[in-house]
């Protein structure tokens, strides 16, 4: 599969929590992390998502927020991944930041150069990558 999404995680559905309009689908992916996606009930049905189904989570790098000291806050965001900055690629306005996660997975984030400075983002810095469940796209093979 070719996609412009910078972050693609393969795994298996471990839970589907149905709501009136949307479902929460939890995907266990490489590195021992779980990603939660909030998708419509119609999408859950059309994709055939149920526990055990193989699927991919796609997350645009611009949807990944980075936070210092997240362990000191209660956040409503379902997807919170503590890790360590491994690489910062600066640009004129934005930078790409790669965060290594426990278990060997990594996640890319696009942040402003101002945030690089304000958060002190550099290799070795501990951060938490945060992604809203509604910003996770799920895909399955045909």
C-alpha atoms as a PDB file:
ATOM      1  CA  UNK A   1       0.000   0.000   0.000  1.00  0.00           C
ATOM      2  CA  UNK A   2       1.269   3.449  -0.892  1.00  0.00           C
ATOM      3  CA  UNK A   3       0.081   6.402   1.166  1.00  0.00           C
ATOM      4  CA  UNK A   4       1.144   9.936   2.004  1.00  0.00           C
ATOM      5  CA  UNK A   5       0.544   9.279   5.713  1.00  0.00           C
ATOM      6  CA  UNK A   6       3.935   9.398   7.440  1.00  0.00           C
ATOM      7  CA  UNK A   7       2.890   6.954  10.178  1.00  0.00           C
ATOM      8  CA  UNK A   8       1.559   3.523   9.225  1.00  0.00           C
ATOM      9  CA  UNK A   9       1.142   0.851  11.902  1.00  0.00           C
ATOM     10  CA  UNK A  10       0.082  -2.743  11.129  1.00  0.00           C
ATOM     11  CA  UNK A  11      -1.694  -4.852  13.693  1.00  0.00           C
ATOM     12  CA  UNK A  12      -4.809  -6.689  14.781  1.00  0.00           C
ATOM     13  CA  UNK A  13      -8.083  -5.391  16.165  1.00  0.00           C
ATOM     14  CA  UNK A  14      -8.347  -6.270  19.861  1.00  0.00           C
ATOM     15  CA  UNK A  15     -11.596  -4.465  20.719  1.00  0.00           C
ATOM     16  CA  UNK A  16     -14.561  -2.715  19.122  1.00  0.00           C
ATOM     17  CA  UNK A  17     -16.677  -0.553  21.420  1.00  0.00           C
ATOM     18  CA  UNK A  18     -19.887   0.387  19.633  1.00  0.00           C
ATOM     19  CA  UNK A  19     -21.599   3.719  20.084  1.00  0.00           C
ATOM     20  CA  UNK A  20     -24.754   5.233  18.644  1.00  0.00           C
ATOM     21  CA  UNK A  21     -22.928   6.812  15.666  1.00  0.00           C
ATOM     22  CA  UNK A  22     -19.216   6.091  16.088  1.00  0.00           C
ATOM     23  CA  UNK A  23     -17.260   3.068  17.227  1.00  0.00           C
ATOM     24  CA  UNK A  24     -13.942   2.984  19.039  1.00  0.00           C
ATOM     25  CA  UNK A  25     -11.646   0.420  17.480  1.00  0.00           C
ATOM     26  CA  UNK A  26      -8.512  -0.614  19.357  1.00  0.00           C
ATOM     27  CA  UNK A  27      -5.628  -1.961  17.313  1.00  0.00           C
ATOM     28  CA  UNK A  28      -2.617  -3.781  18.827  1.00  0.00           C
ATOM     29  CA  UNK A  29       0.411  -2.891  16.673  1.00  0.00           C
ATOM     30  CA  UNK A  30       4.110  -3.633  16.505  1.00  0.00           C
ATOM     31  CA  UNK A  31       6.170  -2.605  19.487  1.00  0.00           C
ATOM     32  CA  UNK A  32       3.459  -3.611  21.953  1.00  0.00           C
ATOM     33  CA  UNK A  33       1.435  -0.402  21.678  1.00  0.00           C
ATOM     34  CA  UNK A  34      -2.307  -0.030  21.124  1.00  0.00           C
ATOM     35  CA  UNK A  35      -3.856   2.640  18.930  1.00  0.00           C
ATOM     36  CA  UNK A  36      -7.491   3.700  19.315  1.00  0.00           C
ATOM     37  CA  UNK A  37      -9.451   5.000  16.323  1.00  0.00           C
ATOM     38  CA  UNK A  38     -12.878   6.618  16.440  1.00  0.00           C
ATOM     39  CA  UNK A  39     -14.703   5.767  13.208  1.00  0.00           C
ATOM     40  CA  UNK A  40     -18.299   5.587  12.062  1.00  0.00           C
ATOM     41  CA  UNK A  41     -20.330   2.434  12.625  1.00  0.00           C
ATOM     42  CA  UNK A  42     -20.723   2.237   8.836  1.00  0.00           C
ATOM     43  CA  UNK A  43     -16.928   2.185   8.412  1.00  0.00           C
ATOM     44  CA  UNK A  44     -16.577  -0.521  11.075  1.00  0.00           C
ATOM     45  CA  UNK A  45     -19.079  -2.655   9.147  1.00  0.00           C
ATOM     46  CA  UNK A  46     -17.673  -1.891   5.675  1.00  0.00           C
ATOM     47  CA  UNK A  47     -14.120  -2.721   6.779  1.00  0.00           C
ATOM     48  CA  UNK A  48     -15.273  -5.895   8.576  1.00  0.00           C
ATOM     49  CA  UNK A  49     -13.557  -4.829  11.795  1.00  0.00           C
ATOM     50  CA  UNK A  50     -13.866  -7.217  14.712  1.00  0.00           C
ATOM     51  CA  UNK A  51     -11.377  -8.679  17.190  1.00  0.00           C
ATOM     52  CA  UNK A  52      -8.698 -10.598  15.312  1.00  0.00           C
ATOM     53  CA  UNK A  53      -9.040  -8.653  12.049  1.00  0.00           C
ATOM     54  CA  UNK A  54      -5.739  -7.463  10.554  1.00  0.00           C
ATOM     55  CA  UNK A  55      -5.732  -3.716   9.919  1.00  0.00           C
ATOM     56  CA  UNK A  56      -3.483  -0.702   9.549  1.00  0.00           C
ATOM     57  CA  UNK A  57      -3.635   2.610  11.375  1.00  0.00           C
ATOM     58  CA  UNK A  58      -2.625   5.645   9.318  1.00  0.00           C
ATOM     59  CA  UNK A  59      -1.725   8.886  11.074  1.00  0.00           C
ATOM     60  CA  UNK A  60      -0.555  12.040   9.317  1.00  0.00           C
ATOM     61  CA  UNK A  61       2.564  13.496  10.959  1.00  0.00           C
ATOM     62  CA  UNK A  62       0.798  16.854  11.282  1.00  0.00           C
ATOM     63  CA  UNK A  63      -1.814  15.160  13.533  1.00  0.00           C
ATOM     64  CA  UNK A  64       0.856  14.071  16.033  1.00  0.00           C
ATOM     65  CA  UNK A  65       1.329  16.581  18.856  1.00  0.00           C
ATOM     66  CA  UNK A  66       4.349  16.444  21.151  1.00  0.00           C
ATOM     67  CA  UNK A  67       4.231  17.270  24.853  1.00  0.00           C
ATOM     68  CA  UNK A  68       6.720  17.554  27.695  1.00  0.00           C
ATOM     69  CA  UNK A  69       5.773  16.258  31.158  1.00  0.00           C
ATOM     70  CA  UNK A  70       2.536  14.576  29.980  1.00  0.00           C
ATOM     71  CA  UNK A  71       2.714  12.260  32.994  1.00  0.00           C
ATOM     72  CA  UNK A  72       1.829  15.293  35.142  1.00  0.00           C
ATOM     73  CA  UNK A  73      -1.492  15.890  33.344  1.00  0.00           C
ATOM     74  CA  UNK A  74      -4.762  14.098  32.750  1.00  0.00           C
ATOM     75  CA  UNK A  75      -5.524  14.296  29.036  1.00  0.00           C
ATOM     76  CA  UNK A  76      -8.683  13.371  27.151  1.00  0.00           C
ATOM     77  CA  UNK A  77      -6.630  12.170  24.195  1.00  0.00           C
ATOM     78  CA  UNK A  78      -6.869   8.376  23.873  1.00  0.00           C
ATOM     79  CA  UNK A  79      -3.526   7.861  22.128  1.00  0.00           C
ATOM     80  CA  UNK A  80      -0.557   8.874  24.277  1.00  0.00           C
ATOM     81  CA  UNK A  81       2.839   7.377  23.436  1.00  0.00           C
ATOM     82  CA  UNK A  82       5.804   8.142  25.696  1.00  0.00           C
ATOM     83  CA  UNK A  83       9.121   7.974  23.891  1.00  0.00           C
ATOM     84  CA  UNK A  84      12.431   9.618  23.130  1.00  0.00           C
ATOM     85  CA  UNK A  85      13.265  12.023  20.314  1.00  0.00           C
ATOM     86  CA  UNK A  86      15.673  10.245  17.976  1.00  0.00           C
ATOM     87  CA  UNK A  87      15.907  12.756  15.124  1.00  0.00           C
ATOM     88  CA  UNK A  88      14.971  16.350  14.335  1.00  0.00           C
ATOM     89  CA  UNK A  89      15.019  17.498  10.708  1.00  0.00           C
ATOM     90  CA  UNK A  90      14.619  21.296  10.676  1.00  0.00           C
ATOM     91  CA  UNK A  91      13.049  23.259   7.849  1.00  0.00           C
ATOM     92  CA  UNK A  92      12.382  26.948   7.272  1.00  0.00           C
ATOM     93  CA  UNK A  93       9.056  26.927   9.159  1.00  0.00           C
ATOM     94  CA  UNK A  94       8.481  23.366  10.392  1.00  0.00           C
ATOM     95  CA  UNK A  95      10.566  20.412  11.474  1.00  0.00           C
ATOM     96  CA  UNK A  96      10.030  16.676  11.351  1.00  0.00           C
ATOM     97  CA  UNK A  97      10.593  15.000  14.709  1.00  0.00           C
ATOM     98  CA  UNK A  98      10.980  11.230  15.005  1.00  0.00           C
ATOM     99  CA  UNK A  99      10.055   9.771  18.395  1.00  0.00           C
ATOM    100  CA  UNK A 100      11.274   6.256  19.202  1.00  0.00           C
ATOM    101  CA  UNK A 101       8.698   4.306  21.191  1.00  0.00           C
ATOM    102  CA  UNK A 102       9.286   1.372  23.530  1.00  0.00           C
ATOM    103  CA  UNK A 103       9.390  -1.907  21.640  1.00  0.00           C
ATOM    104  CA  UNK A 104      11.092  -0.467  18.562  1.00  0.00           C
ATOM    105  CA  UNK A 105       8.250   1.412  16.856  1.00  0.00           C
ATOM    106  CA  UNK A 106       8.583   5.103  16.010  1.00  0.00           C
ATOM    107  CA  UNK A 107       6.207   7.947  15.221  1.00  0.00           C
ATOM    108  CA  UNK A 108       6.849  11.090  13.171  1.00  0.00           C
ATOM    109  CA  UNK A 109       5.493  14.531  14.007  1.00  0.00           C
ATOM    110  CA  UNK A 110       5.592  17.813  12.111  1.00  0.00           C
ATOM    111  CA  UNK A 111       5.986  20.784  14.469  1.00  0.00           C
ATOM    112  CA  UNK A 112       6.892  24.422  14.080  1.00  0.00           C
ATOM    113  CA  UNK A 113      10.450  25.577  14.553  1.00  0.00           C
ATOM    114  CA  UNK A 114       9.139  27.698  17.445  1.00  0.00           C
ATOM    115  CA  UNK A 115       7.902  24.548  19.166  1.00  0.00           C
ATOM    116  CA  UNK A 116      11.272  22.870  18.611  1.00  0.00           C
ATOM    117  CA  UNK A 117      12.837  25.684  20.606  1.00  0.00           C
ATOM    118  CA  UNK A 118      10.079  26.042  23.231  1.00  0.00           C
ATOM    119  CA  UNK A 119       9.916  22.308  23.977  1.00  0.00           C
ATOM    120  CA  UNK A 120      13.682  21.820  23.774  1.00  0.00           C
ATOM    121  CA  UNK A 121      13.245  19.062  21.196  1.00  0.00           C
ATOM    122  CA  UNK A 122      16.522  17.351  20.397  1.00  0.00           C
ATOM    123  CA  UNK A 123      17.740  13.751  20.263  1.00  0.00           C
ATOM    124  CA  UNK A 124      17.506  12.111  23.687  1.00  0.00           C
ATOM    125  CA  UNK A 125      14.643  14.335  24.919  1.00  0.00           C
ATOM    126  CA  UNK A 126      11.757  12.435  26.570  1.00  0.00           C
ATOM    127  CA  UNK A 127       8.372  13.430  25.117  1.00  0.00           C
ATOM    128  CA  UNK A 128       4.869  12.085  24.691  1.00  0.00           C
ATOM    129  CA  UNK A 129       3.305  11.864  21.232  1.00  0.00           C
ATOM    130  CA  UNK A 130      -0.428  12.571  21.369  1.00  0.00           C
ATOM    131  CA  UNK A 131      -3.012  11.703  18.692  1.00  0.00           C
ATOM    132  CA  UNK A 132      -6.786  12.115  18.907  1.00  0.00           C
ATOM    133  CA  UNK A 133      -8.680   8.909  18.128  1.00  0.00           C
ATOM    134  CA  UNK A 134     -10.710  10.789  15.498  1.00  0.00           C
ATOM    135  CA  UNK A 135      -7.497  11.513  13.569  1.00  0.00           C
ATOM    136  CA  UNK A 136      -6.589   7.849  13.113  1.00  0.00           C
ATOM    137  CA  UNK A 137      -7.615   6.297   9.777  1.00  0.00           C
ATOM    138  CA  UNK A 138      -8.011   2.527   9.617  1.00  0.00           C
ATOM    139  CA  UNK A 139      -7.422   0.440   6.503  1.00  0.00           C
ATOM    140  CA  UNK A 140      -7.751  -3.245   5.658  1.00  0.00           C
ATOM    141  CA  UNK A 141      -6.514  -5.205   2.644  1.00  0.00           C
ATOM    142  CA  UNK A 142      -9.140  -6.245   0.089  1.00  0.00           C
END
